[in-house]
Structures are given as structure tokens and as C-alpha cells.
Amino acid sequence: MNFFRVLFLFFLIVPFIEIYLLLQIGGIVGVFPTILLVVFTAILGVALLRQQGFSTLQRFQDNLNQGQIPATEIVEGAVLLISGALLLTPGFFTDIIGFAGLIPVFRRKFALYIVEKKLIMPENPAGFSGQSQQKTNGNVLEGEYRKEK
């Protein structure tokens, strides 16, 4: 199925799910508690997002300092960004998806899957080979690249 078709269906179906859940929960606990619950989940989500974001940033910097490519951490950062947007969107369905993205085990497995399957970017997109800059013992080694045909 085409990516844009899936995205279109997502934007079409999710609001109906959100409205349904808001009406059901509002009918059970009342309007005011439902509004407070939506606001509470947004505040809690932002606090957790901040904590997870700093943790991912720290791992990103550690990998860079060790001369490793932080590919998994980059994907995790993107997942955190999407999770944060979902948590700030009013509704319970998007909050569930957003909170799932904040759970480190799920986020890490998803990021590893994306990196291993190379779903984001091919390994050598520009057709260059050579060694990149590496940091060893405080010294920076220069690298050279040559274009392969």
C-alpha cells in the first residue's frame, strides 16, 4: 500500500477514534474530569519526553565521542519527536501511541529494526568510499573520499 494512502487513512480514522473515546470516557467520568485527564496526560507526557530526550542525547554524544555513528539514537530522537507531538494532541488514542514511544525498550527495538533494515537511508547514498574523521586519543584523523563509479 502506498505511504500517502496509509497516511491519509491515518488522518481520516484517528480523529474518529479520538472523538469516540472522548465521548465514551466523558460519559463515564464526566466532562470536567475528562478534560483534566487529557491535560494531565499532556503534562505527564512532556515531563517524560524531556527525561527520555536527555537520555537519548547523552547516548548520542557518547557514541560520537567514541567515533561511532549514532544511527539508533538518531532514529530514537525521531520517535521521541513524533511521540511528543502525539502526546500534545488532545485525545486518548494518540496518548497511548505517544506513551508507547516513550518506553525505552519499545523505542529501542523499533529504532534497531529501522536501522537494521535500512528503511531510512541506504548505507552509502552518495556513492563515496573512504574513511571518515575519527577521534582517537584526542587527535582528529583526516579522511579522504573518492567517488566510485
C-alpha atoms as a PDB file:
ATOM      1  CA  MET A   1       0.000   0.000   0.000  1.00  0.00           C
ATOM      2  CA  ASN A   2       1.232   3.485  -0.837  1.00  0.00           C
ATOM      3  CA  PHE A   3       2.709   5.522   2.037  1.00  0.00           C
ATOM      4  CA  PHE A   4       0.497   8.519   1.296  1.00  0.00           C
ATOM      5  CA  ARG A   5      -2.608   6.336   1.241  1.00  0.00           C
ATOM      6  CA  VAL A   6      -1.714   4.964   4.683  1.00  0.00           C
ATOM      7  CA  LEU A   7      -1.043   8.491   5.943  1.00  0.00           C
ATOM      8  CA  PHE A   8      -4.369   9.673   4.539  1.00  0.00           C
ATOM      9  CA  LEU A   9      -6.213   6.805   6.229  1.00  0.00           C
ATOM     10  CA  PHE A  10      -4.394   7.561   9.486  1.00  0.00           C
ATOM     11  CA  PHE A  11      -5.504  11.207   9.421  1.00  0.00           C
ATOM     12  CA  LEU A  12      -9.019  10.134   8.494  1.00  0.00           C
ATOM     13  CA  ILE A  13      -9.506   7.344  11.042  1.00  0.00           C
ATOM     14  CA  VAL A  14      -7.648   8.684  14.110  1.00  0.00           C
ATOM     15  CA  PRO A  15      -9.975  11.680  14.700  1.00  0.00           C
ATOM     16  CA  PHE A  16     -13.000   9.349  14.704  1.00  0.00           C
ATOM     17  CA  ILE A  17     -11.287   7.077  17.232  1.00  0.00           C
ATOM     18  CA  GLU A  18     -10.376  10.100  19.382  1.00  0.00           C
ATOM     19  CA  ILE A  19     -13.906  11.502  19.320  1.00  0.00           C
ATOM     20  CA  TYR A  20     -15.368   8.099  20.164  1.00  0.00           C
ATOM     21  CA  LEU A  21     -13.002   7.599  23.112  1.00  0.00           C
ATOM     22  CA  LEU A  22     -13.539  11.134  24.415  1.00  0.00           C
ATOM     23  CA  LEU A  23     -17.320  10.683  24.286  1.00  0.00           C
ATOM     24  CA  GLN A  24     -17.183   7.258  25.967  1.00  0.00           C
ATOM     25  CA  ILE A  25     -14.836   8.358  28.750  1.00  0.00           C
ATOM     26  CA  GLY A  26     -16.715  11.650  29.156  1.00  0.00           C
ATOM     27  CA  GLY A  27     -19.950   9.700  29.535  1.00  0.00           C
ATOM     28  CA  ILE A  28     -18.428   7.525  32.262  1.00  0.00           C
ATOM     29  CA  VAL A  29     -16.486  10.050  34.375  1.00  0.00           C
ATOM     30  CA  GLY A  30     -17.980  13.357  33.228  1.00  0.00           C
ATOM     31  CA  VAL A  31     -16.828  16.278  31.108  1.00  0.00           C
ATOM     32  CA  PHE A  32     -14.607  18.112  33.603  1.00  0.00           C
ATOM     33  CA  PRO A  33     -12.648  15.022  34.746  1.00  0.00           C
ATOM     34  CA  THR A  34     -12.160  14.041  31.092  1.00  0.00           C
ATOM     35  CA  ILE A  35     -10.691  17.461  30.288  1.00  0.00           C
ATOM     36  CA  LEU A  36      -8.435  17.262  33.348  1.00  0.00           C
ATOM     37  CA  LEU A  37      -7.313  13.781  32.310  1.00  0.00           C
ATOM     38  CA  VAL A  38      -6.412  14.977  28.804  1.00  0.00           C
ATOM     39  CA  VAL A  39      -4.431  17.916  30.236  1.00  0.00           C
ATOM     40  CA  PHE A  40      -2.752  15.654  32.815  1.00  0.00           C
ATOM     41  CA  THR A  41      -1.603  13.166  30.180  1.00  0.00           C
ATOM     42  CA  ALA A  42      -0.125  16.021  28.134  1.00  0.00           C
ATOM     43  CA  ILE A  43       1.800  17.393  31.136  1.00  0.00           C
ATOM     44  CA  LEU A  44       2.998  13.928  32.169  1.00  0.00           C
ATOM     45  CA  GLY A  45       3.999  13.180  28.588  1.00  0.00           C
ATOM     46  CA  VAL A  46       6.080  16.344  28.302  1.00  0.00           C
ATOM     47  CA  ALA A  47       7.883  15.552  31.576  1.00  0.00           C
ATOM     48  CA  LEU A  48       8.670  12.002  30.451  1.00  0.00           C
ATOM     49  CA  LEU A  49       9.636  13.206  26.978  1.00  0.00           C
ATOM     50  CA  ARG A  50      12.135  15.634  28.476  1.00  0.00           C
ATOM     51  CA  GLN A  51      13.732  12.898  30.576  1.00  0.00           C
ATOM     52  CA  GLN A  52      13.915  10.404  27.698  1.00  0.00           C
ATOM     53  CA  GLY A  53      15.181  13.085  25.320  1.00  0.00           C
ATOM     54  CA  PHE A  54      18.113  13.961  27.586  1.00  0.00           C
ATOM     55  CA  SER A  55      18.940  10.271  27.980  1.00  0.00           C
ATOM     56  CA  THR A  56      18.942   9.741  24.209  1.00  0.00           C
ATOM     57  CA  LEU A  57      21.012  12.898  23.675  1.00  0.00           C
ATOM     58  CA  GLN A  58      23.586  11.646  26.187  1.00  0.00           C
ATOM     59  CA  ARG A  59      23.910   8.305  24.355  1.00  0.00           C
ATOM     60  CA  PHE A  60      24.144  10.204  21.052  1.00  0.00           C
ATOM     61  CA  GLN A  61      27.052  12.287  22.373  1.00  0.00           C
ATOM     62  CA  ASP A  62      28.761   9.259  23.913  1.00  0.00           C
ATOM     63  CA  ASN A  63      28.677   7.432  20.565  1.00  0.00           C
ATOM     64  CA  LEU A  64      30.070  10.478  18.762  1.00  0.00           C
ATOM     65  CA  ASN A  65      32.887  10.788  21.311  1.00  0.00           C
ATOM     66  CA  GLN A  66      33.752   7.120  20.747  1.00  0.00           C
ATOM     67  CA  GLY A  67      33.864   7.617  16.973  1.00  0.00           C
ATOM     68  CA  GLN A  68      30.724   5.572  16.336  1.00  0.00           C
ATOM     69  CA  ILE A  69      27.793   6.568  14.170  1.00  0.00           C
ATOM     70  CA  PRO A  70      24.773   7.171  16.452  1.00  0.00           C
ATOM     71  CA  ALA A  71      22.229   5.859  13.925  1.00  0.00           C
ATOM     72  CA  THR A  72      19.977   4.213  16.503  1.00  0.00           C
ATOM     73  CA  GLU A  73      19.955   7.333  18.651  1.00  0.00           C
ATOM     74  CA  ILE A  74      19.007   9.468  15.633  1.00  0.00           C
ATOM     75  CA  VAL A  75      16.022   7.219  14.921  1.00  0.00           C
ATOM     76  CA  GLU A  76      15.131   7.218  18.628  1.00  0.00           C
ATOM     77  CA  GLY A  77      15.190  11.023  18.539  1.00  0.00           C
ATOM     78  CA  ALA A  78      12.741  10.988  15.638  1.00  0.00           C
ATOM     79  CA  VAL A  79      10.484   8.552  17.522  1.00  0.00           C
ATOM     80  CA  LEU A  80      10.624  10.854  20.556  1.00  0.00           C
ATOM     81  CA  LEU A  81       9.701  13.828  18.387  1.00  0.00           C
ATOM     82  CA  ILE A  82       6.670  12.025  16.972  1.00  0.00           C
ATOM     83  CA  SER A  83       5.723  10.727  20.424  1.00  0.00           C
ATOM     84  CA  GLY A  84       5.866  14.253  21.821  1.00  0.00           C
ATOM     85  CA  ALA A  85       3.592  15.544  19.077  1.00  0.00           C
ATOM     86  CA  LEU A  86       1.131  12.707  19.727  1.00  0.00           C
ATOM     87  CA  LEU A  87       1.156  13.383  23.471  1.00  0.00           C
ATOM     88  CA  LEU A  88       0.375  17.065  22.943  1.00  0.00           C
ATOM     89  CA  THR A  89      -2.524  16.176  20.645  1.00  0.00           C
ATOM     90  CA  PRO A  90      -5.702  16.062  22.733  1.00  0.00           C
ATOM     91  CA  GLY A  91      -7.106  12.563  22.953  1.00  0.00           C
ATOM     92  CA  PHE A  92      -6.526   9.184  24.500  1.00  0.00           C
ATOM     93  CA  PHE A  93      -5.677   7.100  21.424  1.00  0.00           C
ATOM     94  CA  THR A  94      -2.790   9.376  20.418  1.00  0.00           C
ATOM     95  CA  ASP A  95      -1.652   9.455  24.059  1.00  0.00           C
ATOM     96  CA  ILE A  96      -1.422   5.665  24.135  1.00  0.00           C
ATOM     97  CA  ILE A  97       0.702   5.648  20.979  1.00  0.00           C
ATOM     98  CA  GLY A  98       2.794   8.553  22.294  1.00  0.00           C
ATOM     99  CA  PHE A  99       3.434   6.877  25.649  1.00  0.00           C
ATOM    100  CA  ALA A 100       4.433   3.667  23.844  1.00  0.00           C
ATOM    101  CA  GLY A 101       7.123   5.689  22.052  1.00  0.00           C
ATOM    102  CA  LEU A 102       8.461   6.868  25.410  1.00  0.00           C
ATOM    103  CA  ILE A 103       9.037   3.349  26.713  1.00  0.00           C
ATOM    104  CA  PRO A 104      12.784   2.811  26.166  1.00  0.00           C
ATOM    105  CA  VAL A 105      12.521  -0.915  25.371  1.00  0.00           C
ATOM    106  CA  PHE A 106       9.894  -0.442  22.647  1.00  0.00           C
ATOM    107  CA  ARG A 107      11.585   2.655  21.239  1.00  0.00           C
ATOM    108  CA  ARG A 108      14.997   0.963  21.120  1.00  0.00           C
ATOM    109  CA  LYS A 109      13.662  -2.180  19.407  1.00  0.00           C
ATOM    110  CA  PHE A 110      11.794  -0.082  16.862  1.00  0.00           C
ATOM    111  CA  ALA A 111      14.890   2.055  16.188  1.00  0.00           C
ATOM    112  CA  LEU A 112      17.105  -1.025  15.826  1.00  0.00           C
ATOM    113  CA  TYR A 113      14.616  -2.529  13.374  1.00  0.00           C
ATOM    114  CA  ILE A 114      14.640   0.666  11.287  1.00  0.00           C
ATOM    115  CA  VAL A 115      18.452   0.856  11.305  1.00  0.00           C
ATOM    116  CA  GLU A 116      18.982  -2.852  10.567  1.00  0.00           C
ATOM    117  CA  LYS A 117      16.503  -2.895   7.688  1.00  0.00           C
ATOM    118  CA  LYS A 118      17.947   0.389   6.376  1.00  0.00           C
ATOM    119  CA  LEU A 119      14.451   1.806   5.972  1.00  0.00           C
ATOM    120  CA  ILE A 120      15.630   5.375   6.478  1.00  0.00           C
ATOM    121  CA  MET A 121      18.754   5.769   4.360  1.00  0.00           C
ATOM    122  CA  PRO A 122      20.953   3.477   2.294  1.00  0.00           C
ATOM    123  CA  GLU A 123      24.388   2.728   3.691  1.00  0.00           C
ATOM    124  CA  ASN A 124      26.295   4.732   1.078  1.00  0.00           C
ATOM    125  CA  PRO A 125      23.819   7.133  -0.549  1.00  0.00           C
ATOM    126  CA  ALA A 126      26.282   9.352  -2.432  1.00  0.00           C
ATOM    127  CA  GLY A 127      28.470   6.570  -3.774  1.00  0.00           C
ATOM    128  CA  PHE A 128      31.524   7.700  -1.801  1.00  0.00           C
ATOM    129  CA  SER A 129      34.019   5.474  -0.095  1.00  0.00           C
ATOM    130  CA  GLY A 130      36.856   6.199   2.226  1.00  0.00           C
ATOM    131  CA  GLN A 131      37.341   6.777   5.876  1.00  0.00           C
ATOM    132  CA  SER A 132      35.587   9.478   7.816  1.00  0.00           C
ATOM    133  CA  GLN A 133      37.011  11.542  10.621  1.00  0.00           C
ATOM    134  CA  GLN A 134      37.633   9.503  13.719  1.00  0.00           C
ATOM    135  CA  LYS A 135      38.586  10.746  17.143  1.00  0.00           C
ATOM    136  CA  THR A 136      41.294   8.718  18.827  1.00  0.00           C
ATOM    137  CA  ASN A 137      43.225   9.725  21.930  1.00  0.00           C
ATOM    138  CA  GLY A 138      42.221  13.365  21.495  1.00  0.00           C
ATOM    139  CA  ASN A 139      43.614  13.504  17.944  1.00  0.00           C
ATOM    140  CA  VAL A 140      41.419  14.015  14.909  1.00  0.00           C
ATOM    141  CA  LEU A 141      42.355  11.961  11.866  1.00  0.00           C
ATOM    142  CA  GLU A 142      41.526  13.497   8.499  1.00  0.00           C
ATOM    143  CA  GLY A 143      39.813  11.297   5.962  1.00  0.00           C
ATOM    144  CA  GLU A 144      39.736  11.291   2.187  1.00  0.00           C
ATOM    145  CA  TYR A 145      36.907  10.326  -0.097  1.00  0.00           C
ATOM    146  CA  ARG A 146      36.825   9.210  -3.664  1.00  0.00           C
ATOM    147  CA  LYS A 147      33.782   8.726  -5.823  1.00  0.00           C
ATOM    148  CA  GLU A 148      33.260   5.215  -7.117  1.00  0.00           C
ATOM    149  CA  LYS A 149      31.605   4.566 -10.448  1.00  0.00           C
END
